[in-house]
Amino acid sequence: ILVLFFYKLLKSVSRSVAILMVVLVLVAVPI
């Protein structure tokens, strides 16, 4: 939930970097 809210806050800066941020968290979670 946290990273999705950060995506909402920061995607206007760089959508591609914001997506990378989300992906890294979504990799960590199942591990």
Full PDB file with SEQRES, HELIX, SHEET, SSBOND, CRYST1, ORIGX, SCALE, CONECT and MASTER records, all heavy atoms in Angstrom:
SEQRES   1 A   31  ILE LEU VAL LEU PHE PHE TYR LYS LEU LEU LYS SER VAL          
SEQRES   2 A   31  SER ARG SER VAL ALA ILE LEU MET VAL VAL LEU VAL LEU          
SEQRES   3 A   31  VAL ALA VAL PRO ILE                                          
HELIX    1 AA1 LEU A    2  LEU A   10  1                                   9    
HELIX    2 AA2 ARG A   15  ALA A   28  1                                  14    
CRYST1    1.000    1.000    1.000  90.00  90.00  90.00 P 1           1          
ORIGX1      1.000000  0.000000  0.000000        0.00000                         
ORIGX2      0.000000  1.000000  0.000000        0.00000                         
ORIGX3      0.000000  0.000000  1.000000        0.00000                         
SCALE1      1.000000  0.000000  0.000000        0.00000                         
SCALE2      0.000000  1.000000  0.000000        0.00000                         
SCALE3      0.000000  0.000000  1.000000        0.00000                         
ATOM      1  N   ILE A   1       0.841  -1.204   0.000  1.00  0.00           N  
ATOM      2  CA  ILE A   1       0.000   0.000   0.000  1.00  0.00           C  
ATOM      3  C   ILE A   1       0.872   1.248   0.000  1.00  0.00           C  
ATOM      4  O   ILE A   1       0.598   2.219  -0.709  1.00  0.00           O  
ATOM      5  CB  ILE A   1      -0.940  -0.014   1.216  1.00  0.00           C  
ATOM      6  CG1 ILE A   1      -1.809  -1.272   1.195  1.00  0.00           C  
ATOM      7  CG2 ILE A   1      -1.819   1.234   1.232  1.00  0.00           C  
ATOM      8  CD1 ILE A   1      -2.609  -1.491   2.461  1.00  0.00           C  
ATOM      9  N   LEU A   2       1.940   1.215   0.796  1.00  0.00           N  
ATOM     10  CA  LEU A   2       2.821   2.373   0.921  1.00  0.00           C  
ATOM     11  C   LEU A   2       3.432   2.765  -0.413  1.00  0.00           C  
ATOM     12  O   LEU A   2       3.415   3.943  -0.798  1.00  0.00           O  
ATOM     13  CB  LEU A   2       3.934   2.068   1.924  1.00  0.00           C  
ATOM     14  CG  LEU A   2       5.048   3.118   2.066  1.00  0.00           C  
ATOM     15  CD1 LEU A   2       4.486   4.412   2.642  1.00  0.00           C  
ATOM     16  CD2 LEU A   2       6.184   2.582   2.945  1.00  0.00           C  
ATOM     17  N   VAL A   3       3.977   1.800  -1.140  1.00  0.00           N  
ATOM     18  CA  VAL A   3       4.663   2.140  -2.389  1.00  0.00           C  
ATOM     19  C   VAL A   3       3.670   2.639  -3.436  1.00  0.00           C  
ATOM     20  O   VAL A   3       4.020   3.483  -4.277  1.00  0.00           O  
ATOM     21  CB  VAL A   3       5.467   0.929  -2.909  1.00  0.00           C  
ATOM     22  CG1 VAL A   3       4.575  -0.115  -3.572  1.00  0.00           C  
ATOM     23  CG2 VAL A   3       6.543   1.398  -3.887  1.00  0.00           C  
ATOM     24  N   LEU A   4       2.429   2.175  -3.399  1.00  0.00           N  
ATOM     25  CA  LEU A   4       1.426   2.678  -4.329  1.00  0.00           C  
ATOM     26  C   LEU A   4       1.069   4.131  -4.023  1.00  0.00           C  
ATOM     27  O   LEU A   4       0.816   4.928  -4.938  1.00  0.00           O  
ATOM     28  CB  LEU A   4       0.176   1.798  -4.285  1.00  0.00           C  
ATOM     29  CG  LEU A   4       0.371   0.366  -4.807  1.00  0.00           C  
ATOM     30  CD1 LEU A   4      -0.918  -0.431  -4.662  1.00  0.00           C  
ATOM     31  CD2 LEU A   4       0.835   0.376  -6.268  1.00  0.00           C  
ATOM     32  N   PHE A   5       1.058   4.481  -2.746  1.00  0.00           N  
ATOM     33  CA  PHE A   5       0.814   5.881  -2.384  1.00  0.00           C  
ATOM     34  C   PHE A   5       2.003   6.760  -2.771  1.00  0.00           C  
ATOM     35  O   PHE A   5       1.824   7.894  -3.214  1.00  0.00           O  
ATOM     36  CB  PHE A   5       0.514   6.001  -0.890  1.00  0.00           C  
ATOM     37  CG  PHE A   5      -0.940   5.826  -0.554  1.00  0.00           C  
ATOM     38  CD1 PHE A   5      -1.474   4.569  -0.340  1.00  0.00           C  
ATOM     39  CD2 PHE A   5      -1.784   6.914  -0.476  1.00  0.00           C  
ATOM     40  CE1 PHE A   5      -2.810   4.398  -0.042  1.00  0.00           C  
ATOM     41  CE2 PHE A   5      -3.121   6.774  -0.184  1.00  0.00           C  
ATOM     42  CZ  PHE A   5      -3.640   5.497   0.031  1.00  0.00           C  
ATOM     43  N   PHE A   6       3.228   6.227  -2.602  1.00  0.00           N  
ATOM     44  CA  PHE A   6       4.395   6.983  -3.060  1.00  0.00           C  
ATOM     45  C   PHE A   6       4.356   7.164  -4.580  1.00  0.00           C  
ATOM     46  O   PHE A   6       4.767   8.204  -5.092  1.00  0.00           O  
ATOM     47  CB  PHE A   6       5.686   6.270  -2.651  1.00  0.00           C  
ATOM     48  CG  PHE A   6       6.245   6.729  -1.336  1.00  0.00           C  
ATOM     49  CD1 PHE A   6       6.518   5.815  -0.326  1.00  0.00           C  
ATOM     50  CD2 PHE A   6       6.500   8.077  -1.100  1.00  0.00           C  
ATOM     51  CE1 PHE A   6       7.038   6.234   0.892  1.00  0.00           C  
ATOM     52  CE2 PHE A   6       7.014   8.507   0.120  1.00  0.00           C  
ATOM     53  CZ  PHE A   6       7.283   7.584   1.114  1.00  0.00           C  
ATOM     54  N   TYR A   7       3.886   6.156  -5.287  1.00  0.00           N  
ATOM     55  CA  TYR A   7       3.753   6.267  -6.742  1.00  0.00           C  
ATOM     56  C   TYR A   7       2.802   7.416  -7.095  1.00  0.00           C  
ATOM     57  O   TYR A   7       3.088   8.216  -7.994  1.00  0.00           O  
ATOM     58  CB  TYR A   7       3.243   4.947  -7.324  1.00  0.00           C  
ATOM     59  CG  TYR A   7       3.047   4.993  -8.820  1.00  0.00           C  
ATOM     60  CD1 TYR A   7       4.126   4.820  -9.687  1.00  0.00           C  
ATOM     61  CD2 TYR A   7       1.792   5.218  -9.375  1.00  0.00           C  
ATOM     62  CE1 TYR A   7       3.953   4.874 -11.067  1.00  0.00           C  
ATOM     63  CE2 TYR A   7       1.598   5.270 -10.743  1.00  0.00           C  
ATOM     64  CZ  TYR A   7       2.687   5.097 -11.590  1.00  0.00           C  
ATOM     65  OH  TYR A   7       2.516   5.160 -12.949  1.00  0.00           O  
ATOM     66  N   LYS A   8       1.693   7.485  -6.381  1.00  0.00           N  
ATOM     67  CA  LYS A   8       0.733   8.564  -6.614  1.00  0.00           C  
ATOM     68  C   LYS A   8       1.377   9.929  -6.354  1.00  0.00           C  
ATOM     69  O   LYS A   8       1.166  10.888  -7.115  1.00  0.00           O  
ATOM     70  CB  LYS A   8      -0.480   8.365  -5.697  1.00  0.00           C  
ATOM     71  CG  LYS A   8      -1.495   9.509  -5.698  1.00  0.00           C  
ATOM     72  CD  LYS A   8      -2.214   9.619  -7.012  1.00  0.00           C  
ATOM     73  CE  LYS A   8      -3.310  10.686  -6.946  1.00  0.00           C  
ATOM     74  NZ  LYS A   8      -3.975  10.876  -8.256  1.00  0.00           N  
ATOM     75  N   LEU A   9       2.185  10.015  -5.304  1.00  0.00           N  
ATOM     76  CA  LEU A   9       2.815  11.283  -4.945  1.00  0.00           C  
ATOM     77  C   LEU A   9       3.894  11.711  -5.929  1.00  0.00           C  
ATOM     78  O   LEU A   9       4.075  12.909  -6.172  1.00  0.00           O  
ATOM     79  CB  LEU A   9       3.444  11.175  -3.543  1.00  0.00           C  
ATOM     80  CG  LEU A   9       2.542  11.326  -2.325  1.00  0.00           C  
ATOM     81  CD1 LEU A   9       3.348  11.065  -1.060  1.00  0.00           C  
ATOM     82  CD2 LEU A   9       1.912  12.712  -2.278  1.00  0.00           C  
ATOM     83  N   LEU A  10       4.620  10.749  -6.510  1.00  0.00           N  
ATOM     84  CA  LEU A  10       5.872  11.072  -7.189  1.00  0.00           C  
ATOM     85  C   LEU A  10       5.907  10.725  -8.675  1.00  0.00           C  
ATOM     86  O   LEU A  10       6.909  10.999  -9.337  1.00  0.00           O  
ATOM     87  CB  LEU A  10       7.029  10.352  -6.479  1.00  0.00           C  
ATOM     88  CG  LEU A  10       7.264  10.785  -5.029  1.00  0.00           C  
ATOM     89  CD1 LEU A  10       8.148   9.782  -4.294  1.00  0.00           C  
ATOM     90  CD2 LEU A  10       7.892  12.174  -4.985  1.00  0.00           C  
ATOM     91  N   LYS A  11       4.858  10.142  -9.218  1.00  0.00           N  
ATOM     92  CA  LYS A  11       4.902   9.718 -10.616  1.00  0.00           C  
ATOM     93  C   LYS A  11       5.057  10.891 -11.581  1.00  0.00           C  
ATOM     94  O   LYS A  11       5.567  10.719 -12.691  1.00  0.00           O  
ATOM     95  CB  LYS A  11       3.650   8.927 -10.966  1.00  0.00           C  
ATOM     96  CG  LYS A  11       2.355   9.731 -10.907  1.00  0.00           C  
ATOM     97  CD  LYS A  11       1.159   8.866 -11.281  1.00  0.00           C  
ATOM     98  CE  LYS A  11      -0.135   9.687 -11.207  1.00  0.00           C  
ATOM     99  NZ  LYS A  11      -1.315   8.875 -11.594  1.00  0.00           N  
ATOM    100  N   SER A  12       4.667  12.089 -11.167  1.00  0.00           N  
ATOM    101  CA  SER A  12       4.799  13.248 -12.053  1.00  0.00           C  
ATOM    102  C   SER A  12       6.257  13.634 -12.268  1.00  0.00           C  
ATOM    103  O   SER A  12       6.591  14.294 -13.248  1.00  0.00           O  
ATOM    104  CB  SER A  12       4.036  14.449 -11.483  1.00  0.00           C  
ATOM    105  OG  SER A  12       4.573  14.847 -10.229  1.00  0.00           O  
ATOM    106  N   VAL A  13       7.151  13.218 -11.365  1.00  0.00           N  
ATOM    107  CA  VAL A  13       8.572  13.530 -11.509  1.00  0.00           C  
ATOM    108  C   VAL A  13       9.173  12.678 -12.622  1.00  0.00           C  
ATOM    109  O   VAL A  13       9.858  13.185 -13.521  1.00  0.00           O  
ATOM    110  CB  VAL A  13       9.325  13.273 -10.185  1.00  0.00           C  
ATOM    111  CG1 VAL A  13      10.812  13.603 -10.338  1.00  0.00           C  
ATOM    112  CG2 VAL A  13       8.707  14.082  -9.058  1.00  0.00           C  
ATOM    113  N   SER A  14       8.932  11.375 -12.561  1.00  0.00           N  
ATOM    114  CA  SER A  14       9.381  10.444 -13.596  1.00  0.00           C  
ATOM    115  C   SER A  14       8.584   9.163 -13.443  1.00  0.00           C  
ATOM    116  O   SER A  14       8.775   8.423 -12.473  1.00  0.00           O  
ATOM    117  CB  SER A  14      10.880  10.152 -13.472  1.00  0.00           C  
ATOM    118  OG  SER A  14      11.261   9.099 -14.339  1.00  0.00           O  
ATOM    119  N   ARG A  15       7.711   8.918 -14.394  1.00  0.00           N  
ATOM    120  CA  ARG A  15       6.864   7.729 -14.295  1.00  0.00           C  
ATOM    121  C   ARG A  15       7.690   6.446 -14.343  1.00  0.00           C  
ATOM    122  O   ARG A  15       7.416   5.488 -13.627  1.00  0.00           O  
ATOM    123  CB  ARG A  15       5.822   7.732 -15.418  1.00  0.00           C  
ATOM    124  CG  ARG A  15       4.748   6.657 -15.256  1.00  0.00           C  
ATOM    125  CD  ARG A  15       3.721   6.751 -16.377  1.00  0.00           C  
ATOM    126  NE  ARG A  15       3.017   8.017 -16.333  1.00  0.00           N  
ATOM    127  CZ  ARG A  15       1.891   8.224 -15.657  1.00  0.00           C  
ATOM    128  NH1 ARG A  15       1.369   7.233 -14.955  1.00  0.00           N  
ATOM    129  NH2 ARG A  15       1.292   9.394 -15.682  1.00  0.00           N  
ATOM    130  N   SER A  16       8.727   6.432 -15.173  1.00  0.00           N  
ATOM    131  CA  SER A  16       9.539   5.218 -15.311  1.00  0.00           C  
ATOM    132  C   SER A  16      10.294   4.902 -14.019  1.00  0.00           C  
ATOM    133  O   SER A  16      10.372   3.744 -13.602  1.00  0.00           O  
ATOM    134  CB  SER A  16      10.522   5.357 -16.476  1.00  0.00           C  
ATOM    135  OG  SER A  16      11.390   6.460 -16.278  1.00  0.00           O  
ATOM    136  N   VAL A  17      10.844   5.920 -13.369  1.00  0.00           N  
ATOM    137  CA  VAL A  17      11.557   5.702 -12.102  1.00  0.00           C  
ATOM    138  C   VAL A  17      10.562   5.303 -11.010  1.00  0.00           C  
ATOM    139  O   VAL A  17      10.863   4.453 -10.164  1.00  0.00           O  
ATOM    140  CB  VAL A  17      12.347   6.963 -11.694  1.00  0.00           C  
ATOM    141  CG1 VAL A  17      13.003   6.764 -10.324  1.00  0.00           C  
ATOM    142  CG2 VAL A  17      13.405   7.285 -12.735  1.00  0.00           C  
ATOM    143  N   ALA A  18       9.380   5.898 -11.031  1.00  0.00           N  
ATOM    144  CA  ALA A  18       8.353   5.551 -10.045  1.00  0.00           C  
ATOM    145  C   ALA A  18       7.911   4.091 -10.221  1.00  0.00           C  
ATOM    146  O   ALA A  18       7.680   3.387  -9.232  1.00  0.00           O  
ATOM    147  CB  ALA A  18       7.160   6.480 -10.172  1.00  0.00           C  
ATOM    148  N   ILE A  19       7.816   3.634 -11.459  1.00  0.00           N  
ATOM    149  CA  ILE A  19       7.464   2.231 -11.711  1.00  0.00           C  
ATOM    150  C   ILE A  19       8.566   1.313 -11.198  1.00  0.00           C  
ATOM    151  O   ILE A  19       8.292   0.263 -10.601  1.00  0.00           O  
ATOM    152  CB  ILE A  19       7.220   2.005 -13.221  1.00  0.00           C  
ATOM    153  CG1 ILE A  19       5.925   2.701 -13.645  1.00  0.00           C  
ATOM    154  CG2 ILE A  19       7.155   0.514 -13.541  1.00  0.00           C  
ATOM    155  CD1 ILE A  19       5.671   2.678 -15.133  1.00  0.00           C  
ATOM    156  N   LEU A  20       9.834   1.703 -11.423  1.00  0.00           N  
ATOM    157  CA  LEU A  20      10.958   0.917 -10.902  1.00  0.00           C  
ATOM    158  C   LEU A  20      10.863   0.793  -9.387  1.00  0.00           C  
ATOM    159  O   LEU A  20      11.094  -0.289  -8.822  1.00  0.00           O  
ATOM    160  CB  LEU A  20      12.283   1.568 -11.298  1.00  0.00           C  
ATOM    161  CG  LEU A  20      13.549   0.951 -10.696  1.00  0.00           C  
ATOM    162  CD1 LEU A  20      13.702  -0.497 -11.142  1.00  0.00           C  
ATOM    163  CD2 LEU A  20      14.772   1.773 -11.075  1.00  0.00           C  
ATOM    164  N   MET A  21      10.523   1.881  -8.726  1.00  0.00           N  
ATOM    165  CA  MET A  21      10.367   1.879  -7.269  1.00  0.00           C  
ATOM    166  C   MET A  21       9.310   0.858  -6.847  1.00  0.00           C  
ATOM    167  O   MET A  21       9.532   0.057  -5.924  1.00  0.00           O  
ATOM    168  CB  MET A  21       9.967   3.277  -6.800  1.00  0.00           C  
ATOM    169  CG  MET A  21       9.606   3.393  -5.333  1.00  0.00           C  
ATOM    170  SD  MET A  21       9.016   5.066  -4.913  1.00  0.00           S  
ATOM    171  CE  MET A  21       7.464   5.123  -5.844  1.00  0.00           C  
ATOM    172  N   VAL A  22       8.183   0.855  -7.544  1.00  0.00           N  
ATOM    173  CA  VAL A  22       7.102  -0.081  -7.224  1.00  0.00           C  
ATOM    174  C   VAL A  22       7.544  -1.519  -7.462  1.00  0.00           C  
ATOM    175  O   VAL A  22       7.306  -2.409  -6.631  1.00  0.00           O  
ATOM    176  CB  VAL A  22       5.845   0.240  -8.061  1.00  0.00           C  
ATOM    177  CG1 VAL A  22       4.777  -0.842  -7.849  1.00  0.00           C  
ATOM    178  CG2 VAL A  22       5.284   1.606  -7.693  1.00  0.00           C  
ATOM    179  N   VAL A  23       8.218  -1.761  -8.583  1.00  0.00           N  
ATOM    180  CA  VAL A  23       8.655  -3.120  -8.930  1.00  0.00           C  
ATOM    181  C   VAL A  23       9.602  -3.675  -7.869  1.00  0.00           C  
ATOM    182  O   VAL A  23       9.495  -4.839  -7.457  1.00  0.00           O  
ATOM    183  CB  VAL A  23       9.326  -3.139 -10.312  1.00  0.00           C  
ATOM    184  CG1 VAL A  23      10.043  -4.468 -10.553  1.00  0.00           C  
ATOM    185  CG2 VAL A  23       8.295  -2.890 -11.405  1.00  0.00           C  
ATOM    186  N   LEU A  24      10.540  -2.851  -7.391  1.00  0.00           N  
ATOM    187  CA  LEU A  24      11.503  -3.317  -6.387  1.00  0.00           C  
ATOM    188  C   LEU A  24      10.808  -3.735  -5.092  1.00  0.00           C  
ATOM    189  O   LEU A  24      11.184  -4.722  -4.464  1.00  0.00           O  
ATOM    190  CB  LEU A  24      12.541  -2.226  -6.112  1.00  0.00           C  
ATOM    191  CG  LEU A  24      13.535  -1.972  -7.244  1.00  0.00           C  
ATOM    192  CD1 LEU A  24      14.366  -0.723  -6.966  1.00  0.00           C  
ATOM    193  CD2 LEU A  24      14.446  -3.183  -7.450  1.00  0.00           C  
ATOM    194  N   VAL A  25       9.786  -2.993  -4.707  1.00  0.00           N  
ATOM    195  CA  VAL A  25       9.032  -3.376  -3.508  1.00  0.00           C  
ATOM    196  C   VAL A  25       8.248  -4.660  -3.762  1.00  0.00           C  
ATOM    197  O   VAL A  25       8.210  -5.564  -2.915  1.00  0.00           O  
ATOM    198  CB  VAL A  25       8.083  -2.246  -3.075  1.00  0.00           C  
ATOM    199  CG1 VAL A  25       7.109  -2.740  -2.001  1.00  0.00           C  
ATOM    200  CG2 VAL A  25       8.869  -1.061  -2.541  1.00  0.00           C  
ATOM    201  N   LEU A  26       7.637  -4.765  -4.947  1.00  0.00           N  
ATOM    202  CA  LEU A  26       6.831  -5.941  -5.249  1.00  0.00           C  
ATOM    203  C   LEU A  26       7.682  -7.198  -5.414  1.00  0.00           C  
ATOM    204  O   LEU A  26       7.167  -8.318  -5.325  1.00  0.00           O  
ATOM    205  CB  LEU A  26       5.998  -5.696  -6.509  1.00  0.00           C  
ATOM    206  CG  LEU A  26       4.926  -4.606  -6.380  1.00  0.00           C  
ATOM    207  CD1 LEU A  26       4.119  -4.503  -7.658  1.00  0.00           C  
ATOM    208  CD2 LEU A  26       4.020  -4.853  -5.181  1.00  0.00           C  
ATOM    209  N   VAL A  27       8.975  -7.031  -5.656  1.00  0.00           N  
ATOM    210  CA  VAL A  27       9.891  -8.179  -5.650  1.00  0.00           C  
ATOM    211  C   VAL A  27      10.213  -8.577  -4.207  1.00  0.00           C  
ATOM    212  O   VAL A  27      10.280  -9.767  -3.873  1.00  0.00           O  
ATOM    213  CB  VAL A  27      11.185  -7.856  -6.417  1.00  0.00           C  
ATOM    214  CG1 VAL A  27      12.229  -8.950  -6.212  1.00  0.00           C  
ATOM    215  CG2 VAL A  27      10.896  -7.695  -7.909  1.00  0.00           C  
ATOM    216  N   ALA A  28      10.403  -7.594  -3.352  1.00  0.00           N  
ATOM    217  CA  ALA A  28      10.770  -7.864  -1.957  1.00  0.00           C  
ATOM    218  C   ALA A  28       9.652  -8.553  -1.187  1.00  0.00           C  
ATOM    219  O   ALA A  28       9.909  -9.425  -0.359  1.00  0.00           O  
ATOM    220  CB  ALA A  28      11.147  -6.559  -1.261  1.00  0.00           C  
ATOM    221  N   VAL A  29       8.413  -8.165  -1.469  1.00  0.00           N  
ATOM    222  CA  VAL A  29       7.283  -8.652  -0.668  1.00  0.00           C  
ATOM    223  C   VAL A  29       7.138 -10.176  -0.685  1.00  0.00           C  
ATOM    224  O   VAL A  29       7.076 -10.798   0.388  1.00  0.00           O  
ATOM    225  CB  VAL A  29       5.978  -7.959  -1.108  1.00  0.00           C  
ATOM    226  CG1 VAL A  29       4.758  -8.689  -0.545  1.00  0.00           C  
ATOM    227  CG2 VAL A  29       5.968  -6.506  -0.649  1.00  0.00           C  
ATOM    228  N   PRO A  30       7.081 -10.833  -1.850  1.00  0.00           N  
ATOM    229  CA  PRO A  30       6.937 -12.301  -1.809  1.00  0.00           C  
ATOM    230  C   PRO A  30       8.131 -13.012  -1.184  1.00  0.00           C  
ATOM    231  O   PRO A  30       7.969 -14.058  -0.550  1.00  0.00           O  
ATOM    232  CB  PRO A  30       6.765 -12.685  -3.288  1.00  0.00           C  
ATOM    233  CG  PRO A  30       7.315 -11.536  -4.057  1.00  0.00           C  
ATOM    234  CD  PRO A  30       7.047 -10.330  -3.233  1.00  0.00           C  
ATOM    235  N   ILE A  31       9.336 -12.440  -1.350  1.00  0.00           N  
ATOM    236  CA  ILE A  31      10.521 -13.040  -0.716  1.00  0.00           C  
ATOM    237  C   ILE A  31      10.348 -13.030   0.799  1.00  0.00           C  
ATOM    238  O   ILE A  31      10.549 -14.046   1.479  1.00  0.00           O  
ATOM    239  CB  ILE A  31      11.798 -12.274  -1.108  1.00  0.00           C  
ATOM    240  CG1 ILE A  31      12.081 -12.430  -2.598  1.00  0.00           C  
ATOM    241  CG2 ILE A  31      12.993 -12.770  -0.292  1.00  0.00           C  
ATOM    242  CD1 ILE A  31      13.225 -11.563  -3.096  1.00  0.00           C  
TER     243      ILE A  31                                                      
MASTER        0    0    0    2    0    0    0    6  242    1    0    3          
END                                                                             
